[in-house]
PDB file of N, CA and C in Angstrom:
ATOM      1  N   MET A   1       0.845  -1.165   0.000  1.00  0.00           N
ATOM      2  CA  MET A   1       0.000   0.000   0.000  1.00  0.00           C
ATOM      3  C   MET A   1       0.896   1.235   0.000  1.00  0.00           C
ATOM      4  N   ALA A   2       0.594   2.172  -0.840  1.00  0.00           N
ATOM      5  CA  ALA A   2       1.363   3.412  -0.909  1.00  0.00           C
ATOM      6  C   ALA A   2       0.965   4.337   0.235  1.00  0.00           C
ATOM      7  N   PRO A   3       1.915   5.102   0.781  1.00  0.00           N
ATOM      8  CA  PRO A   3       1.595   6.046   1.852  1.00  0.00           C
ATOM      9  C   PRO A   3       0.633   7.127   1.358  1.00  0.00           C
ATOM     10  N   PHE A   4      -0.195   7.613   2.267  1.00  0.00           N
ATOM     11  CA  PHE A   4      -1.095   8.713   1.929  1.00  0.00           C
ATOM     12  C   PHE A   4      -1.311   9.577   3.156  1.00  0.00           C
ATOM     13  N   ALA A   5      -1.692  10.828   2.941  1.00  0.00           N
ATOM     14  CA  ALA A   5      -1.875  11.785   4.035  1.00  0.00           C
ATOM     15  C   ALA A   5      -3.320  11.751   4.519  1.00  0.00           C
ATOM     16  N   LEU A   6      -3.497  11.792   5.820  1.00  0.00           N
ATOM     17  CA  LEU A   6      -4.817  11.925   6.412  1.00  0.00           C
ATOM     18  C   LEU A   6      -4.996  13.391   6.782  1.00  0.00           C
ATOM     19  N   ILE A   7      -5.742  14.113   6.004  1.00  0.00           N
ATOM     20  CA  ILE A   7      -5.882  15.562   6.173  1.00  0.00           C
ATOM     21  C   ILE A   7      -6.584  15.870   7.494  1.00  0.00           C
ATOM     22  N   GLY A   8      -5.917  16.642   8.353  1.00  0.00           N
ATOM     23  CA  GLY A   8      -6.497  17.093   9.607  1.00  0.00           C
ATOM     24  C   GLY A   8      -6.578  16.045  10.704  1.00  0.00           C
ATOM     25  N   VAL A   9      -5.992  14.881  10.513  1.00  0.00           N
ATOM     26  CA  VAL A   9      -6.028  13.825  11.523  1.00  0.00           C
ATOM     27  C   VAL A   9      -4.596  13.486  11.908  1.00  0.00           C
ATOM     28  N   ASP A  10      -4.338  13.444  13.231  1.00  0.00           N
ATOM     29  CA  ASP A  10      -2.982  13.173  13.707  1.00  0.00           C
ATOM     30  C   ASP A  10      -2.659  11.682  13.795  1.00  0.00           C
ATOM     31  N   TYR A  11      -3.682  10.835  13.801  1.00  0.00           N
ATOM     32  CA  TYR A  11      -3.435   9.408  13.944  1.00  0.00           C
ATOM     33  C   TYR A  11      -4.537   8.624  13.230  1.00  0.00           C
ATOM     34  N   ALA A  12      -4.293   7.354  13.037  1.00  0.00           N
ATOM     35  CA  ALA A  12      -5.278   6.451  12.441  1.00  0.00           C
ATOM     36  C   ALA A  12      -5.574   5.339  13.436  1.00  0.00           C
ATOM     37  N   GLY A  13      -6.826   4.961  13.561  1.00  0.00           N
ATOM     38  CA  GLY A  13      -7.221   3.881  14.456  1.00  0.00           C
ATOM     39  C   GLY A  13      -7.940   2.787  13.692  1.00  0.00           C
ATOM     40  N   ILE A  14      -7.588   1.536  13.991  1.00  0.00           N
ATOM     41  CA  ILE A  14      -8.210   0.390  13.335  1.00  0.00           C
ATOM     42  C   ILE A  14      -8.571  -0.622  14.414  1.00  0.00           C
ATOM     43  N   LYS A  15      -9.801  -1.137  14.361  1.00  0.00           N
ATOM     44  CA  LYS A  15     -10.248  -2.172  15.295  1.00  0.00           C
ATOM     45  C   LYS A  15     -10.879  -3.290  14.462  1.00  0.00           C
ATOM     46  N   THR A  16     -10.472  -4.510  14.711  1.00  0.00           N
ATOM     47  CA  THR A  16     -10.979  -5.642  13.932  1.00  0.00           C
ATOM     48  C   THR A  16     -11.093  -6.880  14.816  1.00  0.00           C
ATOM     49  N   PRO A  17     -12.086  -7.747  14.563  1.00  0.00           N
ATOM     50  CA  PRO A  17     -12.157  -8.996  15.326  1.00  0.00           C
ATOM     51  C   PRO A  17     -11.007  -9.922  14.955  1.00  0.00           C
ATOM     52  N   GLN A  18     -10.593 -10.736  15.896  1.00  0.00           N
ATOM     53  CA  GLN A  18      -9.494 -11.680  15.669  1.00  0.00           C
ATOM     54  C   GLN A  18     -10.023 -13.084  15.929  1.00  0.00           C
ATOM     55  N   PHE A  19     -10.042 -13.914  14.908  1.00  0.00           N
ATOM     56  CA  PHE A  19     -10.514 -15.286  15.042  1.00  0.00           C
ATOM     57  C   PHE A  19      -9.314 -16.227  15.062  1.00  0.00           C
ATOM     58  N   GLN A  20      -9.300 -17.167  15.982  1.00  0.00           N
ATOM     59  CA  GLN A  20      -8.170 -18.077  16.169  1.00  0.00           C
ATOM     60  C   GLN A  20      -8.452 -19.443  15.555  1.00  0.00           C
ATOM     61  N   PHE A  21      -8.784 -19.476  14.254  1.00  0.00           N
ATOM     62  CA  PHE A  21      -9.074 -20.747  13.608  1.00  0.00           C
ATOM     63  C   PHE A  21      -7.846 -21.648  13.537  1.00  0.00           C
ATOM     64  N   THR A  22      -6.651 -21.079  13.537  1.00  0.00           N
ATOM     65  CA  THR A  22      -5.447 -21.905  13.478  1.00  0.00           C
ATOM     66  C   THR A  22      -5.244 -22.696  14.764  1.00  0.00           C
ATOM     67  N   HIS A  23      -5.813 -22.226  15.879  1.00  0.00           N
ATOM     68  CA  HIS A  23      -5.683 -22.919  17.161  1.00  0.00           C
ATOM     69  C   HIS A  23      -6.838 -23.885  17.412  1.00  0.00           C
ATOM     70  N   LEU A  24      -7.877 -23.817  16.594  1.00  0.00           N
ATOM     71  CA  LEU A  24      -9.047 -24.667  16.776  1.00  0.00           C
ATOM     72  C   LEU A  24      -9.093 -25.687  15.643  1.00  0.00           C
ATOM     73  N   HIS A  25      -8.379 -26.773  15.806  1.00  0.00           N
ATOM     74  CA  HIS A  25      -8.304 -27.799  14.766  1.00  0.00           C
ATOM     75  C   HIS A  25      -9.692 -28.387  14.504  1.00  0.00           C
ATOM     76  N   GLY A  26     -10.068 -28.447  13.239  1.00  0.00           N
ATOM     77  CA  GLY A  26     -11.371 -28.973  12.858  1.00  0.00           C
ATOM     78  C   GLY A  26     -12.482 -27.946  12.897  1.00  0.00           C
ATOM     79  N   ALA A  27     -12.179 -26.707  13.272  1.00  0.00           N
ATOM     80  CA  ALA A  27     -13.204 -25.662  13.331  1.00  0.00           C
ATOM     81  C   ALA A  27     -13.587 -25.230  11.922  1.00  0.00           C
ATOM     82  N   ASP A  28     -14.856 -24.917  11.747  1.00  0.00           N
ATOM     83  CA  ASP A  28     -15.355 -24.439  10.460  1.00  0.00           C
ATOM     84  C   ASP A  28     -15.075 -22.939  10.371  1.00  0.00           C
ATOM     85  N   PRO A  29     -14.283 -22.487   9.399  1.00  0.00           N
ATOM     86  CA  PRO A  29     -13.928 -21.064   9.314  1.00  0.00           C
ATOM     87  C   PRO A  29     -15.069 -20.166   8.847  1.00  0.00           C
ATOM     88  N   PHE A  30     -16.212 -20.726   8.463  1.00  0.00           N
ATOM     89  CA  PHE A  30     -17.364 -19.916   8.065  1.00  0.00           C
ATOM     90  C   PHE A  30     -18.201 -19.615   9.299  1.00  0.00           C
ATOM     91  N   LEU A  31     -18.437 -18.344   9.564  1.00  0.00           N
ATOM     92  CA  LEU A  31     -19.121 -17.916  10.783  1.00  0.00           C
ATOM     93  C   LEU A  31     -20.633 -18.013  10.636  1.00  0.00           C
ATOM     94  N   ASP A  32     -21.304 -18.366  11.730  1.00  0.00           N
ATOM     95  CA  ASP A  32     -22.757 -18.322  11.765  1.00  0.00           C
ATOM     96  C   ASP A  32     -23.182 -17.507  12.979  1.00  0.00           C
ATOM     97  N   ILE A  33     -24.451 -17.529  13.307  1.00  0.00           N
ATOM     98  CA  ILE A  33     -24.969 -16.679  14.388  1.00  0.00           C
ATOM     99  C   ILE A  33     -24.320 -17.008  15.729  1.00  0.00           C
ATOM    100  N   GLU A  34     -24.031 -18.276  15.998  1.00  0.00           N
ATOM    101  CA  GLU A  34     -23.471 -18.667  17.288  1.00  0.00           C
ATOM    102  C   GLU A  34     -21.990 -18.349  17.431  1.00  0.00           C
ATOM    103  N   MET A  35     -21.289 -18.134  16.320  1.00  0.00           N
ATOM    104  CA  MET A  35     -19.838 -17.925  16.369  1.00  0.00           C
ATOM    105  C   MET A  35     -19.532 -16.465  16.680  1.00  0.00           C
ATOM    106  N   ALA A  36     -18.652 -16.245  17.609  1.00  0.00           N
ATOM    107  CA  ALA A  36     -18.237 -14.890  17.967  1.00  0.00           C
ATOM    108  C   ALA A  36     -16.718 -14.817  17.936  1.00  0.00           C
ATOM    109  N   SER A  37     -16.203 -13.610  17.897  1.00  0.00           N
ATOM    110  CA  SER A  37     -14.747 -13.455  17.877  1.00  0.00           C
ATOM    111  C   SER A  37     -14.159 -13.873  19.219  1.00  0.00           C
ATOM    112  N   THR A  38     -12.924 -14.321  19.196  1.00  0.00           N
ATOM    113  CA  THR A  38     -12.237 -14.736  20.418  1.00  0.00           C
ATOM    114  C   THR A  38     -11.338 -13.634  20.949  1.00  0.00           C
ATOM    115  N   GLY A  39     -11.380 -12.488  20.333  1.00  0.00           N
ATOM    116  CA  GLY A  39     -10.565 -11.357  20.757  1.00  0.00           C
ATOM    117  C   GLY A  39     -10.667 -10.235  19.751  1.00  0.00           C
ATOM    118  N   LYS A  40      -9.971  -9.160  20.028  1.00  0.00           N
ATOM    119  CA  LYS A  40      -9.970  -8.021  19.121  1.00  0.00           C
ATOM    120  C   LYS A  40      -8.563  -7.478  19.005  1.00  0.00           C
ATOM    121  N   VAL A  41      -8.302  -6.864  17.885  1.00  0.00           N
ATOM    122  CA  VAL A  41      -7.026  -6.205  17.651  1.00  0.00           C
ATOM    123  C   VAL A  41      -7.316  -4.729  17.475  1.00  0.00           C
ATOM    124  N   VAL A  42      -6.585  -3.890  18.209  1.00  0.00           N
ATOM    125  CA  VAL A  42      -6.740  -2.442  18.093  1.00  0.00           C
ATOM    126  C   VAL A  42      -5.374  -1.846  17.804  1.00  0.00           C
ATOM    127  N   CYS A  43      -5.332  -0.895  16.888  1.00  0.00           N
ATOM    128  CA  CYS A  43      -4.069  -0.273  16.504  1.00  0.00           C
ATOM    129  C   CYS A  43      -4.269   1.222  16.347  1.00  0.00           C
ATOM    130  N   LEU A  44      -3.399   2.010  16.943  1.00  0.00           N
ATOM    131  CA  LEU A  44      -3.351   3.462  16.744  1.00  0.00           C
ATOM    132  C   LEU A  44      -1.966   3.802  16.227  1.00  0.00           C
ATOM    133  N   GLU A  45      -1.896   4.434  15.087  1.00  0.00           N
ATOM    134  CA  GLU A  45      -0.615   4.751  14.458  1.00  0.00           C
ATOM    135  C   GLU A  45      -0.610   6.181  13.940  1.00  0.00           C
ATOM    136  N   LEU A  46       0.585   6.731  13.795  1.00  0.00           N
ATOM    137  CA  LEU A  46       0.743   8.066  13.222  1.00  0.00           C
ATOM    138  C   LEU A  46       0.727   8.038  11.699  1.00  0.00           C
ATOM    139  N   THR A  47       0.960   6.871  11.105  1.00  0.00           N
ATOM    140  CA  THR A  47       0.938   6.724   9.652  1.00  0.00           C
ATOM    141  C   THR A  47       0.103   5.505   9.286  1.00  0.00           C
ATOM    142  N   CYS A  48      -0.221   5.379   8.024  1.00  0.00           N
ATOM    143  CA  CYS A  48      -0.962   4.208   7.539  1.00  0.00           C
ATOM    144  C   CYS A  48      -0.038   3.268   6.793  1.00  0.00           C
ATOM    145  N   ILE A  49       1.208   3.208   7.208  1.00  0.00           N
ATOM    146  CA  ILE A  49       2.198   2.352   6.575  1.00  0.00           C
ATOM    147  C   ILE A  49       2.552   1.235   7.541  1.00  0.00           C
ATOM    148  N   GLU A  50       2.418  -0.002   7.106  1.00  0.00           N
ATOM    149  CA  GLU A  50       2.774  -1.136   7.953  1.00  0.00           C
ATOM    150  C   GLU A  50       4.288  -1.219   8.061  1.00  0.00           C
ATOM    151  N   PRO A  51       4.826  -1.337   9.305  1.00  0.00           N
ATOM    152  CA  PRO A  51       6.290  -1.405   9.461  1.00  0.00           C
ATOM    153  C   PRO A  51       6.887  -2.677   8.908  1.00  0.00           C
TER     154      PRO A  51
END
């Protein structure tokens, strides 16, 4: 991804669910109503460039 400027914003925040299908052998990776995330990932950065 190419760098880009966020006009008037000092930081970027991203929040996404984290599913641990690699740790659940035999688990179906397709989600249904009963399936919920096992955690969340939150990131606050000054740039939108992955280190």
